[in-house]
Amino acid sequence: MPEFIAIPDPVAGPGVTGQVQIDRHAGPEDGTAPPLVIVGGMTQTLSSWGGQVRPLAAQRPVIVVEARGQGQTRLATHDVSPPVHVRDFEHLLDALGVTEPVDLCGFSFGGRIALGIAAERPERVRRLVLSGVGSGRGALGRVILRSWREALKTGDLVALAWLSLADTLGPNYLEANESVLAAFVKATVRRNSYEGIAALFAQTLGDGPDSPWAPPNLAPRVRAPVLLLAGALDRLAPPHELEALAAAFPGPARAEVLPDVGHTVAIEAPERWRALVLEFLA
């Protein structure tokens, strides 16, 4: 069940406390695996991972996190920059009493934050899984992000939610699930706040080549083994960008491309995604 965890929120002011919404599952009673912490894409919430949490938790503890600006997490949003997310992550682990290194999994925006955490706090990450993150976005990816920013100028999340479905989901998934896409959009709008998502767009996507938070600049600082996953039809993190990022890590980094899948690998090919992740974390 979702729960709120209190952590310090210095963005809101000295001594102020905020709350992070998480979905925590203990895993098997006799298990020894470290927790798997999942940070989703920008407009994803805890429910986005509902199909993955239970099968993953059958083998290990799982914690799904709504980061600052996402979902129902109650933290100030006038600073949602990457360094703040790294600090929030450390505060959350401390609040949960997690002292051992965790396995960290991030998708898209969450993958970039996870990569930043692994670079900045290497002692807290045992293994790293990145989905939908490449060394760059290319011209098409930059145009898609520009269209999303323009959609946000409407003052709500509806246009952005529709655009993001078309830009992130592969054609096979869209064809098979067209009848429920309107429900997806309604859920995205209901479960997020415009203010939070607008802040994330404004403050976390400026990761050009000169930014210390650009994936190619973070990768050389990561100590943990890395699994990188992408769909063959991903337009935001195309396969050649995945391979380029894998080459930037100093340690073991394995890249896997799933055929006939777009950006949202864990949703479009859930069983294959889960099998690759569990095999890597074993």
Protein backbone atom coordinates (compact mmCIF):
# COMPACT_ATOMS: atom_id res chain seq x y z
CA MET A 1 0.00 0.00 0.00
CA PRO A 2 1.20 3.55 -0.68
CA GLU A 3 2.59 5.36 2.34
CA PHE A 4 4.17 8.71 3.10
CA ILE A 5 7.68 8.89 4.53
CA ALA A 6 8.80 12.08 6.27
CA ILE A 7 12.16 13.51 5.16
CA PRO A 8 13.87 16.88 5.62
CA ASP A 9 12.84 19.46 3.01
CA PRO A 10 15.45 22.24 3.13
CA VAL A 11 14.08 23.60 -0.17
CA ALA A 12 10.97 24.64 1.78
CA GLY A 13 13.05 26.21 4.56
CA PRO A 14 15.37 25.37 7.47
CA GLY A 15 13.98 22.61 9.68
CA VAL A 16 10.99 21.97 7.41
CA THR A 17 9.87 18.37 6.86
CA GLY A 18 8.10 17.05 3.75
CA GLN A 19 6.77 13.66 2.69
CA VAL A 20 7.72 11.24 -0.06
CA GLN A 21 5.07 8.82 -1.27
CA ILE A 22 6.38 5.29 -1.76
CA ASP A 23 5.06 1.79 -2.31
CA ARG A 24 7.10 -0.63 -0.20
CA HIS A 25 7.04 -4.44 -0.32
CA ALA A 26 9.12 -6.49 2.09
CA GLY A 27 9.97 -9.38 -0.21
CA PRO A 28 10.25 -13.03 0.86
CA GLU A 29 10.72 -13.68 4.58
CA ASP A 30 13.86 -15.73 4.03
CA GLY A 31 15.32 -13.42 1.38
CA THR A 32 18.74 -11.82 1.63
CA ALA A 33 18.68 -9.60 -1.47
CA PRO A 34 19.07 -5.84 -0.97
CA PRO A 35 16.11 -3.58 -1.70
CA LEU A 36 15.34 -2.67 -5.30
CA VAL A 37 14.45 1.03 -5.46
CA ILE A 38 12.52 2.20 -8.56
CA VAL A 39 12.20 5.78 -9.79
CA GLY A 40 9.84 6.14 -12.74
CA GLY A 41 9.45 8.49 -15.68
CA MET A 42 8.47 12.10 -15.23
CA THR A 43 4.67 11.73 -15.23
CA GLN A 44 4.71 8.19 -13.85
CA THR A 45 3.40 7.47 -10.37
CA LEU A 46 3.36 4.45 -8.07
CA SER A 47 0.51 2.92 -10.05
CA SER A 48 2.64 2.92 -13.21
CA TRP A 49 4.65 0.07 -11.67
CA GLY A 50 1.69 -1.89 -10.31
CA GLY A 51 2.16 -4.73 -12.80
CA GLN A 52 5.82 -5.16 -11.88
CA VAL A 53 5.91 -4.72 -8.11
CA ARG A 54 4.34 -7.98 -6.97
CA PRO A 55 6.37 -10.33 -9.20
CA LEU A 56 9.55 -8.44 -8.32
CA ALA A 57 8.70 -8.52 -4.60
CA ALA A 58 8.31 -12.29 -4.75
CA GLN A 59 12.11 -12.39 -4.95
CA ARG A 60 13.35 -9.27 -3.15
CA PRO A 61 12.28 -6.13 -1.24
CA VAL A 62 10.95 -3.43 -3.57
CA ILE A 63 10.47 0.32 -2.98
CA VAL A 64 8.82 2.43 -5.68
CA VAL A 65 9.34 6.17 -5.19
CA GLU A 66 7.48 9.25 -6.35
CA ALA A 67 10.28 11.81 -6.55
CA ARG A 68 9.99 15.50 -5.74
CA GLY A 69 7.53 16.96 -8.25
CA GLN A 70 5.97 13.60 -9.12
CA GLY A 71 2.62 12.21 -8.08
CA GLN A 72 1.48 12.92 -4.54
CA THR A 73 4.90 13.46 -2.95
CA ARG A 74 4.70 16.53 -0.69
CA LEU A 75 7.96 18.41 -1.14
CA ALA A 76 8.60 21.98 -2.28
CA THR A 77 9.00 22.30 -6.05
CA HIS A 78 10.73 25.65 -6.53
CA ASP A 79 13.99 23.64 -6.62
CA VAL A 80 13.72 20.19 -8.19
CA SER A 81 17.20 20.19 -9.73
CA PRO A 82 19.22 16.95 -9.91
CA PRO A 83 21.34 17.68 -6.80
CA VAL A 84 18.14 18.05 -4.77
CA HIS A 85 16.89 14.67 -6.00
CA VAL A 86 20.19 13.06 -4.96
CA ARG A 87 19.84 14.55 -1.49
CA ASP A 88 16.18 13.47 -1.27
CA PHE A 89 17.16 9.90 -2.12
CA GLU A 90 19.74 9.80 0.64
CA HIS A 91 17.27 11.28 3.13
CA LEU A 92 14.68 8.66 2.12
CA LEU A 93 17.05 5.73 2.65
CA ASP A 94 18.02 7.15 6.03
CA ALA A 95 14.35 7.57 7.01
CA LEU A 96 13.65 3.97 5.99
CA GLY A 97 16.64 2.70 7.97
CA VAL A 98 18.30 1.31 4.83
CA THR A 99 22.03 1.34 5.46
CA GLU A 100 23.27 -1.25 2.98
CA PRO A 101 23.80 -0.43 -0.72
CA VAL A 102 20.59 -0.82 -2.75
CA ASP A 103 19.89 -1.89 -6.29
CA LEU A 104 18.61 1.18 -8.10
CA CYS A 105 16.36 1.17 -11.16
CA GLY A 106 15.31 4.27 -13.08
CA PHE A 107 13.27 4.86 -16.20
CA SER A 108 13.70 7.91 -18.47
CA PHE A 109 13.66 10.96 -16.13
CA GLY A 110 14.00 8.53 -13.21
CA GLY A 111 16.91 6.86 -14.99
CA ARG A 112 18.76 10.14 -15.26
CA ILE A 113 18.16 10.79 -11.57
CA ALA A 114 19.28 7.24 -10.73
CA LEU A 115 22.43 7.76 -12.78
CA GLY A 116 23.12 10.97 -10.87
CA ILE A 117 22.64 9.16 -7.56
CA ALA A 118 25.00 6.35 -8.57
CA ALA A 119 27.65 8.91 -9.57
CA GLU A 120 27.26 11.19 -6.55
CA ARG A 121 26.65 8.53 -3.89
CA PRO A 122 28.40 5.41 -5.21
CA GLU A 123 28.57 3.84 -1.75
CA ARG A 124 24.75 3.60 -1.68
CA VAL A 125 24.26 1.75 -5.00
CA ARG A 126 25.15 -1.92 -5.50
CA ARG A 127 23.80 -2.31 -9.05
CA LEU A 128 22.18 0.13 -11.45
CA VAL A 129 19.44 -0.51 -14.03
CA LEU A 130 18.64 2.22 -16.56
CA SER A 131 15.73 2.05 -19.00
CA GLY A 132 15.18 4.65 -21.70
CA VAL A 133 18.42 6.57 -21.07
CA GLY A 134 21.04 7.12 -23.76
CA SER A 135 24.12 9.25 -24.19
CA GLY A 136 22.01 11.94 -25.89
CA ARG A 137 18.58 12.48 -27.39
CA GLY A 138 19.35 13.39 -30.97
CA ALA A 139 17.37 15.88 -33.06
CA LEU A 140 14.15 13.85 -32.87
CA GLY A 141 14.32 13.57 -29.11
CA ARG A 142 14.93 17.29 -28.75
CA VAL A 143 11.95 18.07 -30.98
CA ILE A 144 9.75 15.75 -28.90
CA LEU A 145 10.81 17.49 -25.70
CA ARG A 146 10.13 20.87 -27.30
CA SER A 147 6.61 19.73 -28.21
CA TRP A 148 6.03 18.60 -24.62
CA ARG A 149 7.17 21.98 -23.30
CA GLU A 150 4.79 23.71 -25.69
CA ALA A 151 1.96 21.45 -24.51
CA LEU A 152 2.60 22.53 -20.93
CA LYS A 153 1.86 26.12 -21.94
CA THR A 154 -1.83 25.15 -22.06
CA GLY A 155 -1.77 25.34 -18.27
CA ASP A 156 -2.75 21.73 -17.60
CA LEU A 157 -1.40 18.22 -18.22
CA VAL A 158 -3.96 16.90 -20.72
CA ALA A 159 -2.16 17.80 -23.97
CA LEU A 160 1.17 16.66 -22.54
CA ALA A 161 -0.32 13.32 -21.49
CA TRP A 162 -1.71 12.64 -24.98
CA LEU A 163 1.52 13.68 -26.70
CA SER A 164 3.66 11.58 -24.41
CA LEU A 165 1.59 8.47 -25.16
CA ALA A 166 2.19 8.89 -28.88
CA ASP A 167 5.87 9.69 -28.43
CA THR A 168 6.81 7.01 -25.90
CA LEU A 169 4.69 3.95 -26.64
CA GLY A 170 5.48 1.71 -29.58
CA PRO A 171 2.92 1.15 -32.36
CA ASN A 172 2.12 -2.42 -31.32
CA TYR A 173 1.22 -1.38 -27.80
CA LEU A 174 -0.83 1.58 -29.00
CA GLU A 175 -2.76 -0.63 -31.42
CA ALA A 176 -3.50 -3.23 -28.76
CA ASN A 177 -4.50 -0.69 -26.08
CA GLU A 178 -6.15 2.16 -27.98
CA SER A 179 -9.44 1.66 -26.15
CA VAL A 180 -7.90 2.48 -22.76
CA LEU A 181 -5.61 5.36 -23.75
CA ALA A 182 -8.14 7.97 -22.61
CA ALA A 183 -8.16 6.33 -19.19
CA PHE A 184 -4.35 6.49 -19.13
CA VAL A 185 -4.49 10.21 -19.79
CA LYS A 186 -7.09 10.82 -17.08
CA ALA A 187 -4.99 8.87 -14.58
CA THR A 188 -1.84 10.84 -15.43
CA VAL A 189 -3.65 14.15 -14.95
CA ARG A 190 -5.39 13.06 -11.74
CA ARG A 191 -2.33 11.56 -10.06
CA ASN A 192 0.09 14.39 -10.80
CA SER A 193 0.11 18.13 -10.22
CA TYR A 194 0.67 20.62 -13.02
CA GLU A 195 3.00 22.63 -10.78
CA GLY A 196 5.20 19.63 -10.02
CA ILE A 197 5.53 18.43 -13.61
CA ALA A 198 6.10 21.96 -14.93
CA ALA A 199 8.90 22.40 -12.39
CA LEU A 200 10.53 19.12 -13.43
CA PHE A 201 10.39 20.11 -17.09
CA ALA A 202 11.88 23.51 -16.36
CA GLN A 203 14.70 22.32 -14.09
CA THR A 204 15.77 18.78 -14.95
CA LEU A 205 16.05 18.64 -18.75
CA GLY A 206 18.93 21.07 -19.21
CA ASP A 207 21.54 18.33 -19.52
CA GLY A 208 23.37 19.39 -22.68
CA PRO A 209 26.91 18.18 -23.39
CA ASP A 210 28.48 20.73 -21.06
CA SER A 211 26.23 19.92 -18.12
CA PRO A 212 27.77 17.87 -15.28
CA TRP A 213 24.41 16.07 -15.16
CA ALA A 214 24.52 14.88 -18.77
CA PRO A 215 24.61 11.05 -18.82
CA PRO A 216 28.01 10.82 -20.59
CA ASN A 217 29.52 13.05 -17.89
CA LEU A 218 28.01 11.07 -15.02
CA ALA A 219 28.76 7.57 -16.35
CA PRO A 220 32.56 7.62 -15.80
CA ARG A 221 32.00 8.23 -12.08
CA VAL A 222 29.73 5.21 -11.53
CA ARG A 223 31.28 2.25 -9.70
CA ALA A 224 28.34 -0.13 -9.84
CA PRO A 225 27.73 -2.64 -12.64
CA VAL A 226 25.09 -1.29 -15.01
CA LEU A 227 22.31 -2.78 -17.13
CA LEU A 228 20.96 -0.47 -19.85
CA LEU A 229 17.65 -1.31 -21.55
CA ALA A 230 15.95 0.31 -24.51
CA GLY A 231 13.32 -0.49 -27.10
CA ALA A 232 14.35 -0.83 -30.73
CA LEU A 233 11.67 1.78 -31.58
CA ASP A 234 12.60 4.23 -28.81
CA ARG A 235 12.66 7.76 -30.26
CA LEU A 236 13.92 9.45 -27.08
CA ALA A 237 16.79 7.08 -26.27
CA PRO A 238 17.46 5.24 -29.54
CA PRO A 239 19.57 2.07 -29.45
CA HIS A 240 22.74 3.68 -30.85
CA GLU A 241 22.64 6.22 -28.01
CA LEU A 242 22.28 3.34 -25.55
CA GLU A 243 25.42 1.67 -26.84
CA ALA A 244 27.32 4.96 -26.68
CA LEU A 245 26.36 5.46 -23.03
CA ALA A 246 27.29 1.88 -22.14
CA ALA A 247 30.80 2.53 -23.47
CA ALA A 248 31.21 5.50 -21.11
CA PHE A 249 31.03 3.44 -17.89
CA PRO A 250 34.39 2.38 -16.42
CA GLY A 251 33.05 -0.92 -15.11
CA PRO A 252 30.76 -3.64 -16.46
CA ALA A 253 27.91 -2.15 -18.51
CA ARG A 254 25.58 -4.36 -20.52
CA ALA A 255 23.18 -2.94 -23.11
CA GLU A 256 20.04 -4.82 -24.20
CA VAL A 257 17.69 -3.69 -26.97
CA LEU A 258 14.20 -5.18 -27.05
CA PRO A 259 12.61 -5.56 -30.50
CA ASP A 260 9.25 -4.00 -31.46
CA VAL A 261 9.20 -1.86 -28.30
CA GLY A 262 9.19 1.93 -27.82
CA HIS A 263 10.43 4.03 -24.93
CA THR A 264 8.39 2.48 -22.09
CA VAL A 265 10.05 -0.94 -22.06
CA ALA A 266 8.76 -2.06 -18.65
CA ILE A 267 5.15 -1.47 -19.72
CA GLU A 268 5.34 -2.64 -23.34
CA ALA A 269 7.40 -5.78 -22.67
CA PRO A 270 6.93 -6.34 -18.92
CA GLU A 271 7.95 -9.99 -18.70
CA ARG A 272 11.08 -9.58 -20.81
CA TRP A 273 12.06 -6.41 -18.94
CA ARG A 274 11.58 -8.12 -15.56
CA ALA A 275 13.51 -11.23 -16.58
CA LEU A 276 16.49 -9.16 -17.70
CA VAL A 277 16.44 -7.08 -14.52
CA LEU A 278 16.19 -10.04 -12.15
CA GLU A 279 18.90 -11.93 -14.01
CA PHE A 280 21.22 -8.92 -13.76
CA LEU A 281 20.50 -8.34 -10.05
CA ALA A 282 20.91 -11.99 -9.04
